[in-house]
N, C-alpha and C. Protein backbone atom coordinates (compact mmCIF):
# COMPACT_ATOMS: atom_id res chain seq x y z
N ILE A 1 0.86 -1.19 0.00
CA ILE A 1 0.00 0.00 0.00
C ILE A 1 0.89 1.23 0.00
N ASP A 2 0.52 2.19 -0.79
CA ASP A 2 1.22 3.46 -0.80
C ASP A 2 0.63 4.32 0.29
N VAL A 3 1.20 4.19 1.49
CA VAL A 3 0.63 4.87 2.66
C VAL A 3 0.90 6.37 2.57
N ALA A 4 -0.15 7.16 2.76
CA ALA A 4 -0.03 8.61 2.71
C ALA A 4 0.76 9.12 3.90
N LEU A 5 1.36 10.31 3.74
CA LEU A 5 2.03 10.95 4.86
C LEU A 5 1.03 11.25 5.95
N THR A 6 1.47 11.07 7.20
CA THR A 6 0.55 11.29 8.31
C THR A 6 0.49 12.76 8.66
N ALA A 7 -0.60 13.13 9.31
CA ALA A 7 -0.77 14.50 9.78
C ALA A 7 -1.17 14.46 11.25
N ILE A 8 -0.66 15.38 12.04
CA ILE A 8 -1.04 15.49 13.44
C ILE A 8 -2.28 16.36 13.52
N LEU A 9 -3.37 15.78 13.97
CA LEU A 9 -4.62 16.51 14.07
C LEU A 9 -4.91 16.84 15.52
N GLU A 10 -5.02 18.09 15.84
CA GLU A 10 -5.32 18.53 17.20
C GLU A 10 -6.82 18.57 17.42
N THR A 11 -7.26 18.15 18.60
CA THR A 11 -8.67 18.24 18.96
C THR A 11 -8.84 19.41 19.91
N ALA A 12 -9.53 20.44 19.45
CA ALA A 12 -9.78 21.62 20.28
C ALA A 12 -11.25 21.96 20.19
N HIS A 13 -11.85 22.27 21.32
CA HIS A 13 -13.29 22.53 21.37
C HIS A 13 -13.52 23.76 22.25
N ASP A 14 -13.34 24.93 21.67
CA ASP A 14 -13.44 26.16 22.43
C ASP A 14 -14.85 26.42 22.94
N ASP A 15 -15.84 25.85 22.30
CA ASP A 15 -17.21 26.08 22.74
C ASP A 15 -17.61 25.15 23.88
N GLY A 16 -16.71 24.25 24.29
CA GLY A 16 -17.00 23.37 25.42
C GLY A 16 -17.87 22.19 25.07
N SER A 17 -18.18 22.02 23.79
CA SER A 17 -19.08 20.92 23.44
C SER A 17 -18.38 19.58 23.53
N GLY A 18 -17.20 19.48 22.95
CA GLY A 18 -16.41 18.26 23.07
C GLY A 18 -16.96 17.10 22.29
N PRO A 19 -16.08 16.16 21.90
CA PRO A 19 -16.53 14.96 21.20
C PRO A 19 -17.00 13.89 22.16
N ALA A 20 -17.63 12.88 21.61
CA ALA A 20 -17.95 11.67 22.36
C ALA A 20 -17.04 10.56 21.82
N TYR A 21 -16.93 9.47 22.55
CA TYR A 21 -16.05 8.38 22.15
C TYR A 21 -16.76 7.04 22.32
N SER A 22 -16.28 6.06 21.57
CA SER A 22 -16.74 4.69 21.68
C SER A 22 -15.51 3.79 21.68
N ILE A 23 -15.52 2.77 22.55
CA ILE A 23 -14.39 1.84 22.65
C ILE A 23 -14.86 0.44 22.29
N GLY A 24 -14.24 -0.17 21.29
CA GLY A 24 -14.54 -1.54 20.91
C GLY A 24 -13.45 -2.47 21.37
N VAL A 25 -13.83 -3.62 21.97
CA VAL A 25 -12.85 -4.55 22.54
C VAL A 25 -13.06 -5.95 21.98
N ASP A 26 -12.01 -6.50 21.40
CA ASP A 26 -12.00 -7.90 20.96
C ASP A 26 -10.95 -8.62 21.79
N TRP A 27 -11.35 -9.70 22.48
CA TRP A 27 -10.48 -10.36 23.44
C TRP A 27 -9.58 -11.41 22.78
N GLY A 28 -8.41 -11.60 23.37
CA GLY A 28 -7.51 -12.68 22.98
C GLY A 28 -6.50 -12.87 24.10
N ARG A 29 -5.69 -13.92 23.98
CA ARG A 29 -4.66 -14.11 25.00
C ARG A 29 -3.42 -14.79 24.44
N HIS A 30 -3.58 -15.96 23.85
CA HIS A 30 -2.40 -16.71 23.41
C HIS A 30 -2.13 -16.46 21.93
N ASN A 31 -2.89 -17.11 21.06
CA ASN A 31 -2.66 -16.93 19.63
C ASN A 31 -3.24 -15.61 19.12
N ASP A 32 -4.42 -15.25 19.63
CA ASP A 32 -5.05 -14.00 19.22
C ASP A 32 -4.62 -12.85 20.12
N PHE A 33 -4.94 -11.64 19.67
CA PHE A 33 -4.61 -10.44 20.42
C PHE A 33 -5.87 -9.83 21.03
N THR A 34 -5.70 -9.20 22.19
CA THR A 34 -6.75 -8.34 22.71
C THR A 34 -6.51 -6.95 22.13
N VAL A 35 -7.54 -6.40 21.50
CA VAL A 35 -7.42 -5.08 20.89
C VAL A 35 -8.57 -4.20 21.37
N ALA A 36 -8.23 -3.01 21.82
CA ALA A 36 -9.21 -1.99 22.18
C ALA A 36 -9.00 -0.80 21.27
N THR A 37 -10.04 -0.40 20.58
CA THR A 37 -9.97 0.71 19.63
C THR A 37 -10.91 1.82 20.08
N VAL A 38 -10.41 3.05 20.09
CA VAL A 38 -11.21 4.20 20.49
C VAL A 38 -11.56 5.02 19.26
N LEU A 39 -12.85 5.23 19.05
CA LEU A 39 -13.35 5.98 17.90
C LEU A 39 -14.01 7.26 18.40
N GLU A 40 -13.59 8.37 17.85
CA GLU A 40 -14.14 9.67 18.23
C GLU A 40 -15.37 9.99 17.38
N TYR A 41 -16.39 10.56 18.05
CA TYR A 41 -17.61 10.95 17.36
C TYR A 41 -17.86 12.43 17.65
N PRO A 42 -18.24 13.27 16.66
CA PRO A 42 -18.72 12.88 15.32
C PRO A 42 -17.66 12.85 14.23
N SER A 43 -16.38 13.09 14.57
CA SER A 43 -15.35 13.10 13.53
C SER A 43 -15.10 11.73 12.93
N MET A 44 -15.45 10.66 13.68
CA MET A 44 -15.23 9.28 13.27
C MET A 44 -13.75 9.00 12.99
N ARG A 45 -12.89 9.56 13.86
CA ARG A 45 -11.46 9.29 13.80
C ARG A 45 -11.09 8.25 14.84
N VAL A 46 -10.25 7.31 14.46
CA VAL A 46 -9.64 6.41 15.45
C VAL A 46 -8.56 7.20 16.15
N VAL A 47 -8.69 7.35 17.46
CA VAL A 47 -7.74 8.18 18.21
C VAL A 47 -6.83 7.36 19.12
N ALA A 48 -7.11 6.06 19.29
CA ALA A 48 -6.24 5.22 20.11
C ALA A 48 -6.49 3.75 19.77
N ILE A 49 -5.41 2.97 19.78
CA ILE A 49 -5.48 1.51 19.61
C ILE A 49 -4.55 0.89 20.63
N ASP A 50 -5.07 -0.04 21.43
CA ASP A 50 -4.25 -0.78 22.39
C ASP A 50 -4.30 -2.25 21.99
N ARG A 51 -3.16 -2.84 21.69
CA ARG A 51 -3.09 -4.22 21.18
C ARG A 51 -2.06 -5.00 21.99
N SER A 52 -2.46 -6.17 22.51
CA SER A 52 -1.54 -6.96 23.32
C SER A 52 -1.95 -8.42 23.27
N ASN A 53 -1.00 -9.31 23.58
CA ASN A 53 -1.33 -10.72 23.77
C ASN A 53 -0.31 -11.36 24.69
N ARG A 54 -0.64 -12.58 25.11
CA ARG A 54 0.20 -13.37 26.01
C ARG A 54 0.44 -12.65 27.34
N ILE A 55 -0.58 -11.97 27.83
CA ILE A 55 -0.51 -11.40 29.16
C ILE A 55 -1.77 -11.83 29.92
N GLU A 56 -1.69 -11.84 31.23
CA GLU A 56 -2.80 -12.29 32.06
C GLU A 56 -4.02 -11.39 31.87
N TYR A 57 -5.20 -11.99 32.06
CA TYR A 57 -6.43 -11.22 31.88
C TYR A 57 -6.51 -10.06 32.88
N ALA A 58 -5.98 -10.26 34.08
CA ALA A 58 -6.02 -9.18 35.07
C ALA A 58 -5.27 -7.96 34.56
N PHE A 59 -4.14 -8.19 33.91
CA PHE A 59 -3.37 -7.07 33.37
C PHE A 59 -4.07 -6.46 32.17
N GLN A 60 -4.74 -7.31 31.37
CA GLN A 60 -5.51 -6.78 30.25
C GLN A 60 -6.60 -5.83 30.75
N LEU A 61 -7.26 -6.22 31.84
CA LEU A 61 -8.31 -5.36 32.39
C LEU A 61 -7.73 -4.05 32.93
N GLU A 62 -6.54 -4.10 33.49
CA GLU A 62 -5.89 -2.89 33.97
C GLU A 62 -5.60 -1.95 32.80
N ARG A 63 -5.12 -2.50 31.71
CA ARG A 63 -4.83 -1.68 30.52
C ARG A 63 -6.11 -1.05 29.99
N LEU A 64 -7.18 -1.84 29.96
CA LEU A 64 -8.44 -1.32 29.45
C LEU A 64 -9.00 -0.24 30.36
N ALA A 65 -8.90 -0.44 31.66
CA ALA A 65 -9.37 0.57 32.61
C ALA A 65 -8.59 1.87 32.45
N ALA A 66 -7.28 1.75 32.22
CA ALA A 66 -6.46 2.94 32.01
C ALA A 66 -6.88 3.68 30.74
N LEU A 67 -7.20 2.91 29.70
CA LEU A 67 -7.66 3.52 28.46
C LEU A 67 -9.01 4.21 28.67
N ALA A 68 -9.89 3.57 29.42
CA ALA A 68 -11.21 4.15 29.69
C ALA A 68 -11.09 5.45 30.48
N ARG A 69 -10.09 5.55 31.35
CA ARG A 69 -9.90 6.79 32.11
C ARG A 69 -9.48 7.95 31.21
N ARG A 70 -8.82 7.63 30.12
CA ARG A 70 -8.44 8.68 29.17
C ARG A 70 -9.63 9.21 28.40
N PHE A 71 -10.68 8.39 28.30
CA PHE A 71 -11.86 8.78 27.52
C PHE A 71 -13.11 8.55 28.38
N PRO A 72 -13.32 9.41 29.38
CA PRO A 72 -14.45 9.22 30.31
C PRO A 72 -15.79 9.22 29.59
N GLU A 73 -16.71 8.47 30.13
CA GLU A 73 -18.08 8.32 29.64
C GLU A 73 -18.18 7.54 28.32
N ALA A 74 -17.07 7.10 27.76
CA ALA A 74 -17.15 6.35 26.50
C ALA A 74 -17.73 4.96 26.75
N PRO A 75 -18.78 4.58 26.05
CA PRO A 75 -19.28 3.21 26.18
C PRO A 75 -18.26 2.22 25.64
N ILE A 76 -18.13 1.10 26.32
CA ILE A 76 -17.20 0.05 25.90
C ILE A 76 -18.04 -1.10 25.35
N ILE A 77 -17.86 -1.41 24.08
CA ILE A 77 -18.57 -2.52 23.46
C ILE A 77 -17.59 -3.69 23.38
N ALA A 78 -17.82 -4.71 24.20
CA ALA A 78 -16.87 -5.82 24.33
C ALA A 78 -17.50 -7.12 23.87
N GLU A 79 -16.74 -7.89 23.10
CA GLU A 79 -17.22 -9.19 22.66
C GLU A 79 -17.42 -10.10 23.87
N ALA A 80 -18.58 -10.74 23.94
CA ALA A 80 -18.93 -11.53 25.12
C ALA A 80 -18.68 -13.02 24.93
N ASN A 81 -18.34 -13.45 23.73
CA ASN A 81 -18.14 -14.88 23.48
C ASN A 81 -16.92 -15.40 24.23
N ALA A 82 -16.91 -16.70 24.51
CA ALA A 82 -15.78 -17.38 25.15
C ALA A 82 -15.41 -16.69 26.46
N MET A 83 -14.16 -16.19 26.55
CA MET A 83 -13.69 -15.61 27.81
C MET A 83 -14.29 -14.23 28.07
N GLY A 84 -15.02 -13.68 27.12
CA GLY A 84 -15.52 -12.32 27.25
C GLY A 84 -16.49 -12.10 28.39
N GLU A 85 -17.39 -13.05 28.62
CA GLU A 85 -18.44 -12.85 29.63
C GLU A 85 -17.89 -12.61 31.03
N PRO A 86 -17.00 -13.47 31.55
CA PRO A 86 -16.47 -13.19 32.90
C PRO A 86 -15.64 -11.91 32.96
N LEU A 87 -14.95 -11.56 31.88
CA LEU A 87 -14.19 -10.31 31.87
C LEU A 87 -15.12 -9.11 31.90
N ILE A 88 -16.22 -9.21 31.19
CA ILE A 88 -17.21 -8.13 31.20
C ILE A 88 -17.80 -7.96 32.59
N GLU A 89 -18.06 -9.06 33.28
CA GLU A 89 -18.58 -8.97 34.64
C GLU A 89 -17.59 -8.25 35.56
N GLN A 90 -16.31 -8.54 35.40
CA GLN A 90 -15.30 -7.86 36.21
C GLN A 90 -15.27 -6.36 35.89
N MET A 91 -15.41 -6.03 34.61
CA MET A 91 -15.43 -4.62 34.22
C MET A 91 -16.62 -3.90 34.84
N ARG A 92 -17.76 -4.56 34.87
CA ARG A 92 -18.95 -3.94 35.47
C ARG A 92 -18.75 -3.70 36.96
N ARG A 93 -18.08 -4.66 37.62
CA ARG A 93 -17.81 -4.47 39.05
C ARG A 93 -16.88 -3.29 39.30
N GLN A 94 -16.06 -2.96 38.31
CA GLN A 94 -15.18 -1.80 38.41
C GLN A 94 -15.89 -0.51 38.05
N GLY A 95 -17.15 -0.60 37.65
CA GLY A 95 -17.91 0.59 37.31
C GLY A 95 -17.71 1.08 35.90
N LEU A 96 -17.12 0.26 35.03
CA LEU A 96 -16.90 0.68 33.64
C LEU A 96 -18.19 0.54 32.84
N PRO A 97 -18.47 1.48 31.94
CA PRO A 97 -19.72 1.46 31.16
C PRO A 97 -19.65 0.49 29.99
N VAL A 98 -19.70 -0.79 30.28
CA VAL A 98 -19.48 -1.81 29.26
C VAL A 98 -20.79 -2.42 28.79
N ARG A 99 -20.87 -2.71 27.52
CA ARG A 99 -22.00 -3.42 26.93
C ARG A 99 -21.47 -4.70 26.29
N ALA A 100 -22.15 -5.80 26.53
CA ALA A 100 -21.73 -7.08 25.96
C ALA A 100 -22.26 -7.23 24.54
N PHE A 101 -21.40 -7.70 23.66
CA PHE A 101 -21.81 -8.00 22.29
C PHE A 101 -21.63 -9.49 22.06
N HIS A 102 -22.74 -10.22 21.95
CA HIS A 102 -22.69 -11.66 21.73
C HIS A 102 -22.66 -11.92 20.22
N THR A 103 -21.51 -12.31 19.74
CA THR A 103 -21.31 -12.46 18.30
C THR A 103 -21.98 -13.71 17.76
N THR A 104 -22.75 -13.55 16.70
CA THR A 104 -23.32 -14.66 15.94
C THR A 104 -22.93 -14.46 14.48
N ALA A 105 -23.16 -15.47 13.66
CA ALA A 105 -22.84 -15.34 12.24
C ALA A 105 -23.62 -14.19 11.62
N ALA A 106 -24.88 -14.05 12.03
CA ALA A 106 -25.73 -13.01 11.45
C ALA A 106 -25.29 -11.61 11.87
N ASN A 107 -25.10 -11.40 13.19
CA ASN A 107 -24.77 -10.03 13.59
C ASN A 107 -23.31 -9.67 13.30
N LYS A 108 -22.43 -10.68 13.13
CA LYS A 108 -21.07 -10.37 12.70
C LYS A 108 -21.08 -9.83 11.28
N ALA A 109 -21.91 -10.41 10.42
CA ALA A 109 -22.03 -9.90 9.06
C ALA A 109 -22.53 -8.46 9.07
N GLU A 110 -23.53 -8.18 9.90
CA GLU A 110 -24.06 -6.82 10.00
C GLU A 110 -22.99 -5.86 10.52
N LEU A 111 -22.20 -6.33 11.49
CA LEU A 111 -21.15 -5.52 12.09
C LEU A 111 -20.11 -5.12 11.03
N ILE A 112 -19.67 -6.11 10.25
CA ILE A 112 -18.64 -5.86 9.24
C ILE A 112 -19.19 -5.04 8.09
N GLU A 113 -20.42 -5.32 7.69
CA GLU A 113 -21.00 -4.57 6.57
C GLU A 113 -21.22 -3.10 6.94
N SER A 114 -21.55 -2.84 8.20
CA SER A 114 -21.68 -1.47 8.66
C SER A 114 -20.34 -0.74 8.60
N LEU A 115 -19.28 -1.43 9.01
CA LEU A 115 -17.94 -0.84 8.94
C LEU A 115 -17.54 -0.61 7.49
N ALA A 116 -17.80 -1.60 6.63
CA ALA A 116 -17.47 -1.47 5.22
C ALA A 116 -18.18 -0.28 4.59
N LEU A 117 -19.43 -0.08 4.96
CA LEU A 117 -20.19 1.04 4.43
C LEU A 117 -19.59 2.37 4.88
N ALA A 118 -19.14 2.43 6.14
CA ALA A 118 -18.51 3.66 6.64
C ALA A 118 -17.25 3.99 5.84
N PHE A 119 -16.47 2.96 5.51
CA PHE A 119 -15.29 3.18 4.68
C PHE A 119 -15.68 3.62 3.27
N GLU A 120 -16.66 2.95 2.69
CA GLU A 120 -17.07 3.26 1.33
C GLU A 120 -17.61 4.69 1.22
N GLN A 121 -18.27 5.17 2.25
CA GLN A 121 -18.83 6.52 2.26
C GLN A 121 -17.82 7.56 2.71
N ASP A 122 -16.56 7.12 2.90
CA ASP A 122 -15.49 8.03 3.31
C ASP A 122 -15.83 8.72 4.62
N ALA A 123 -16.45 7.97 5.54
CA ALA A 123 -16.96 8.55 6.77
C ALA A 123 -16.12 8.21 7.99
N ILE A 124 -14.98 7.53 7.81
CA ILE A 124 -14.19 7.09 8.95
C ILE A 124 -12.72 7.32 8.64
N ARG A 125 -11.93 7.61 9.67
CA ARG A 125 -10.50 7.86 9.51
C ARG A 125 -9.71 6.92 10.43
N ILE A 126 -8.68 6.31 9.87
CA ILE A 126 -7.86 5.39 10.66
C ILE A 126 -6.41 5.86 10.65
N PRO A 127 -5.65 5.49 11.68
CA PRO A 127 -4.23 5.87 11.72
C PRO A 127 -3.41 4.94 10.82
N ALA A 128 -2.17 5.33 10.61
CA ALA A 128 -1.23 4.50 9.84
C ALA A 128 -0.71 3.39 10.75
N HIS A 129 -1.62 2.53 11.18
CA HIS A 129 -1.31 1.43 12.09
C HIS A 129 -1.12 0.18 11.22
N GLN A 130 0.10 -0.33 11.21
CA GLN A 130 0.46 -1.38 10.27
C GLN A 130 -0.43 -2.61 10.37
N GLU A 131 -0.69 -3.08 11.58
CA GLU A 131 -1.46 -4.30 11.74
C GLU A 131 -2.92 -4.08 11.35
N LEU A 132 -3.49 -2.94 11.69
CA LEU A 132 -4.87 -2.66 11.32
C LEU A 132 -5.02 -2.63 9.80
N ILE A 133 -4.12 -1.94 9.12
CA ILE A 133 -4.21 -1.87 7.66
C ILE A 133 -4.01 -3.24 7.04
N SER A 134 -3.06 -4.02 7.57
CA SER A 134 -2.82 -5.36 7.06
C SER A 134 -4.05 -6.25 7.22
N GLU A 135 -4.69 -6.17 8.39
CA GLU A 135 -5.88 -6.99 8.62
C GLU A 135 -7.03 -6.57 7.72
N LEU A 136 -7.21 -5.26 7.51
CA LEU A 136 -8.28 -4.79 6.64
C LEU A 136 -8.09 -5.31 5.22
N LEU A 137 -6.87 -5.29 4.74
CA LEU A 137 -6.60 -5.74 3.37
C LEU A 137 -6.76 -7.25 3.22
N ALA A 138 -6.48 -7.98 4.31
CA ALA A 138 -6.55 -9.45 4.23
C ALA A 138 -7.93 -10.00 4.56
N PHE A 139 -8.78 -9.19 5.18
CA PHE A 139 -10.07 -9.68 5.65
C PHE A 139 -10.87 -10.26 4.49
N ASP A 140 -11.49 -11.41 4.74
CA ASP A 140 -12.05 -12.19 3.65
C ASP A 140 -13.54 -12.44 3.85
N MET A 141 -14.22 -12.66 2.74
CA MET A 141 -15.63 -13.03 2.74
C MET A 141 -15.81 -14.30 1.94
N GLN A 142 -16.57 -15.23 2.49
CA GLN A 142 -16.90 -16.47 1.79
C GLN A 142 -18.41 -16.69 1.85
N ARG A 143 -18.96 -17.25 0.79
CA ARG A 143 -20.38 -17.54 0.77
C ARG A 143 -20.59 -19.01 1.13
N ARG A 144 -21.39 -19.24 2.15
CA ARG A 144 -21.69 -20.60 2.58
C ARG A 144 -22.65 -21.27 1.60
N THR A 145 -22.79 -22.59 1.74
CA THR A 145 -23.72 -23.31 0.88
C THR A 145 -25.16 -22.84 1.07
N SER A 146 -25.45 -22.31 2.27
CA SER A 146 -26.78 -21.79 2.55
C SER A 146 -27.04 -20.45 1.88
N GLY A 147 -25.97 -19.85 1.35
CA GLY A 147 -26.09 -18.54 0.74
C GLY A 147 -25.67 -17.42 1.66
N ALA A 148 -25.52 -17.70 2.96
CA ALA A 148 -25.09 -16.69 3.92
C ALA A 148 -23.61 -16.37 3.72
N LEU A 149 -23.23 -15.17 4.11
CA LEU A 149 -21.84 -14.75 3.97
C LEU A 149 -21.09 -14.95 5.28
N ARG A 150 -19.84 -15.37 5.17
CA ARG A 150 -18.99 -15.58 6.33
C ARG A 150 -17.79 -14.64 6.23
N TYR A 151 -17.59 -13.81 7.26
CA TYR A 151 -16.48 -12.87 7.27
C TYR A 151 -15.44 -13.32 8.28
N SER A 152 -14.18 -13.35 7.87
CA SER A 152 -13.12 -13.76 8.78
C SER A 152 -11.77 -13.45 8.16
N ALA A 153 -10.72 -13.60 8.98
CA ALA A 153 -9.36 -13.50 8.46
C ALA A 153 -9.00 -14.79 7.74
N PRO A 154 -8.10 -14.75 6.76
CA PRO A 154 -7.63 -15.98 6.12
C PRO A 154 -6.93 -16.88 7.14
N PRO A 155 -6.81 -18.16 6.87
CA PRO A 155 -6.13 -19.07 7.80
C PRO A 155 -4.73 -18.56 8.16
N GLY A 156 -4.43 -18.58 9.44
CA GLY A 156 -3.13 -18.14 9.91
C GLY A 156 -3.00 -16.65 10.12
N ARG A 157 -4.05 -15.88 9.84
CA ARG A 157 -4.01 -14.43 10.00
C ARG A 157 -4.93 -14.02 11.15
N HIS A 158 -4.80 -12.77 11.56
CA HIS A 158 -5.62 -12.24 12.65
C HIS A 158 -6.65 -11.26 12.12
N ASP A 159 -7.77 -11.12 12.88
CA ASP A 159 -8.76 -10.11 12.53
C ASP A 159 -9.16 -9.29 13.76
N ASP A 160 -8.32 -9.32 14.80
CA ASP A 160 -8.66 -8.68 16.06
C ASP A 160 -8.83 -7.16 15.92
N CYS A 161 -7.95 -6.53 15.14
CA CYS A 161 -8.05 -5.08 14.94
C CYS A 161 -9.31 -4.72 14.17
N VAL A 162 -9.66 -5.54 13.18
CA VAL A 162 -10.86 -5.28 12.38
C VAL A 162 -12.11 -5.38 13.25
N ILE A 163 -12.19 -6.44 14.04
CA ILE A 163 -13.38 -6.64 14.88
C ILE A 163 -13.48 -5.55 15.94
N SER A 164 -12.35 -5.18 16.54
CA SER A 164 -12.35 -4.12 17.53
C SER A 164 -12.84 -2.81 16.93
N LEU A 165 -12.37 -2.47 15.74
CA LEU A 165 -12.82 -1.26 15.06
C LEU A 165 -14.30 -1.34 14.72
N ALA A 166 -14.75 -2.50 14.27
CA ALA A 166 -16.17 -2.68 13.94
C ALA A 166 -17.05 -2.51 15.18
N LEU A 167 -16.59 -3.01 16.32
CA LEU A 167 -17.34 -2.85 17.57
C LEU A 167 -17.39 -1.37 18.00
N ALA A 168 -16.26 -0.67 17.84
CA ALA A 168 -16.25 0.75 18.16
C ALA A 168 -17.20 1.52 17.26
N ASN A 169 -17.22 1.15 15.99
CA ASN A 169 -18.14 1.78 15.04
C ASN A 169 -19.59 1.52 15.44
N TYR A 170 -19.88 0.30 15.86
CA TYR A 170 -21.21 -0.05 16.35
C TYR A 170 -21.58 0.75 17.60
N GLY A 171 -20.60 0.99 18.46
CA GLY A 171 -20.85 1.67 19.72
C GLY A 171 -21.08 3.16 19.62
N VAL A 172 -20.84 3.74 18.45
CA VAL A 172 -21.02 5.18 18.29
C VAL A 172 -22.44 5.60 18.64
N LYS A 173 -23.43 4.76 18.31
CA LYS A 173 -24.82 5.10 18.60
C LYS A 173 -25.04 5.29 20.10
N PHE A 174 -24.33 4.52 20.92
CA PHE A 174 -24.47 4.64 22.36
C PHE A 174 -23.66 5.83 22.90
N SER A 175 -22.51 6.12 22.28
CA SER A 175 -21.67 7.21 22.77
C SER A 175 -22.40 8.53 22.64
N ASP A 176 -23.14 8.73 21.58
CA ASP A 176 -23.82 10.00 21.39
C ASP A 176 -25.06 10.11 22.25
N VAL A 177 -25.85 9.05 22.31
CA VAL A 177 -27.13 9.11 23.02
C VAL A 177 -26.94 9.09 24.53
N GLU A 178 -26.12 8.16 25.04
CA GLU A 178 -26.05 7.96 26.48
C GLU A 178 -24.94 8.75 27.16
N TYR A 179 -23.80 8.89 26.49
CA TYR A 179 -22.64 9.47 27.14
C TYR A 179 -22.21 10.79 26.53
N GLY A 180 -22.67 11.08 25.32
CA GLY A 180 -22.24 12.31 24.66
C GLY A 180 -22.68 13.55 25.41
N ALA A 181 -23.88 13.56 25.96
CA ALA A 181 -24.37 14.75 26.66
C ALA A 181 -23.50 15.07 27.87
N ALA A 182 -23.14 14.03 28.63
CA ALA A 182 -22.28 14.26 29.79
C ALA A 182 -20.90 14.74 29.36
N ARG A 183 -20.40 14.18 28.27
CA ARG A 183 -19.10 14.58 27.76
C ARG A 183 -19.11 16.04 27.33
N ARG A 184 -20.17 16.43 26.61
CA ARG A 184 -20.25 17.78 26.09
C ARG A 184 -20.45 18.81 27.19
N ALA A 185 -20.95 18.36 28.35
CA ALA A 185 -21.21 19.29 29.45
C ALA A 185 -19.94 19.65 30.21
N ARG A 186 -18.85 18.93 29.97
CA ARG A 186 -17.62 19.20 30.69
C ARG A 186 -16.96 20.47 30.18
N PRO A 187 -16.15 21.16 31.00
CA PRO A 187 -15.46 22.37 30.55
C PRO A 187 -14.52 22.08 29.39
N ALA A 188 -14.33 23.07 28.54
CA ALA A 188 -13.49 22.89 27.34
C ALA A 188 -12.09 22.46 27.70
N GLN A 189 -11.50 23.05 28.77
CA GLN A 189 -10.13 22.70 29.13
C GLN A 189 -10.02 21.24 29.53
N ALA A 190 -10.99 20.74 30.28
CA ALA A 190 -10.97 19.34 30.70
C ALA A 190 -11.07 18.43 29.50
N ILE A 191 -11.85 18.82 28.52
CA ILE A 191 -11.99 18.01 27.32
C ILE A 191 -10.68 17.96 26.56
N ARG A 192 -9.99 19.10 26.45
CA ARG A 192 -8.72 19.11 25.73
C ARG A 192 -7.70 18.23 26.42
N GLU A 193 -7.68 18.24 27.75
CA GLU A 193 -6.72 17.42 28.48
C GLU A 193 -6.99 15.94 28.30
N ALA A 194 -8.25 15.55 28.15
CA ALA A 194 -8.60 14.14 28.04
C ALA A 194 -8.57 13.65 26.61
N SER A 195 -8.34 14.54 25.65
CA SER A 195 -8.40 14.17 24.24
C SER A 195 -7.05 14.39 23.59
N PRO A 196 -6.13 13.40 23.68
CA PRO A 196 -4.80 13.57 23.14
C PRO A 196 -4.81 13.65 21.63
N PRO A 197 -3.81 14.31 21.02
CA PRO A 197 -3.75 14.37 19.56
C PRO A 197 -3.54 12.99 18.97
N SER A 198 -3.93 12.83 17.73
CA SER A 198 -3.84 11.54 17.07
C SER A 198 -3.10 11.68 15.76
N THR A 199 -2.33 10.65 15.39
CA THR A 199 -1.64 10.64 14.11
C THR A 199 -2.49 9.88 13.11
N VAL A 200 -3.00 10.57 12.10
CA VAL A 200 -3.96 9.99 11.18
C VAL A 200 -3.60 10.39 9.76
N PRO A 201 -3.51 9.46 8.82
CA PRO A 201 -3.29 9.85 7.43
C PRO A 201 -4.52 10.52 6.88
N PRO A 202 -4.36 11.62 6.08
CA PRO A 202 -5.52 12.35 5.59
C PRO A 202 -6.51 11.48 4.84
N ASP A 203 -6.03 10.51 4.09
CA ASP A 203 -6.97 9.67 3.34
C ASP A 203 -6.99 8.25 3.86
N GLY A 204 -6.84 8.10 5.17
CA GLY A 204 -6.77 6.77 5.77
C GLY A 204 -8.00 5.94 5.53
N ALA A 205 -9.16 6.58 5.37
CA ALA A 205 -10.38 5.81 5.17
C ALA A 205 -10.31 4.97 3.92
N ARG A 206 -9.54 5.41 2.96
CA ARG A 206 -9.52 4.70 1.68
C ARG A 206 -8.84 3.34 1.79
N TYR A 207 -7.98 3.16 2.80
CA TYR A 207 -7.36 1.84 2.98
C TYR A 207 -8.45 0.81 3.21
N GLY A 208 -9.33 1.09 4.15
CA GLY A 208 -10.39 0.15 4.47
C GLY A 208 -11.37 0.00 3.33
N ALA A 209 -11.65 1.10 2.64
CA ALA A 209 -12.59 1.02 1.53
C ALA A 209 -12.08 0.09 0.45
N ALA A 210 -10.78 0.20 0.15
CA ALA A 210 -10.21 -0.67 -0.87
C ALA A 210 -10.24 -2.13 -0.43
N ALA A 211 -10.00 -2.35 0.85
CA ALA A 211 -9.95 -3.72 1.36
C ALA A 211 -11.32 -4.37 1.40
N LEU A 212 -12.35 -3.59 1.69
CA LEU A 212 -13.68 -4.16 1.89
C LEU A 212 -14.62 -3.94 0.71
N ARG A 213 -14.13 -3.34 -0.36
CA ARG A 213 -14.99 -2.97 -1.47
C ARG A 213 -15.63 -4.17 -2.16
N ARG A 214 -15.04 -5.35 -1.98
CA ARG A 214 -15.54 -6.53 -2.71
C ARG A 214 -16.78 -7.13 -2.08
N ARG A 215 -17.28 -6.62 -0.98
CA ARG A 215 -18.37 -7.25 -0.27
C ARG A 215 -19.69 -7.13 -1.04
N PRO A 216 -20.19 -8.20 -1.66
CA PRO A 216 -21.36 -8.07 -2.51
C PRO A 216 -22.62 -7.69 -1.75
N SER A 217 -22.73 -8.06 -0.45
CA SER A 217 -23.94 -7.76 0.28
C SER A 217 -24.07 -6.27 0.55
N VAL A 218 -22.95 -5.54 0.41
CA VAL A 218 -22.98 -4.10 0.65
C VAL A 218 -22.99 -3.32 -0.65
N TYR A 219 -22.22 -3.78 -1.61
CA TYR A 219 -21.95 -2.94 -2.77
C TYR A 219 -22.54 -3.43 -4.09
N SER A 220 -23.22 -4.59 -4.09
CA SER A 220 -23.77 -5.07 -5.34
C SER A 220 -25.28 -4.81 -5.38
């Protein structure tokens, strides 16, 4: 990929309105990675990505809690399958605003198609994050014998960054309705302190659009 030069984009909100945020979490530990992606609304910029593996779940939760403190009131949309459910319960006991997402074949297709549409409409911005771009380009679609579509990474590849981004994109609806008002009510200075600058390529959305453009359920 001919990656565009990055630009440092400052977030400043002199009127005190401030952005809202959504955090998507895809869990992993050994072979897979745990990825937390923070998406800013309404700019739809990815402003933070935390990716790790082969660390204890307790430490993963500490990292996620630290990320949540940087973006107060942001809803956390976390995959609930497999190890996700007990981790989500621990997050709730910590007072984190987490929502469980129980992945099925049907809603995973909807999740990915919604993300693909955001890329196609040039409505989302991603950083020059090597693994995220690689996963977007490799992400695959197969049609089952039943006619349903199956979305996943090719054998031997990861899709943790893609799923985390898709969950953050899904969570935007909650960030604006439930947490955006509280976020916007905070003083402008507090918002600036909690919203670090992000390194984002000006045309970063096109990486994902090119990778996902082949999805017939969205574009045909």
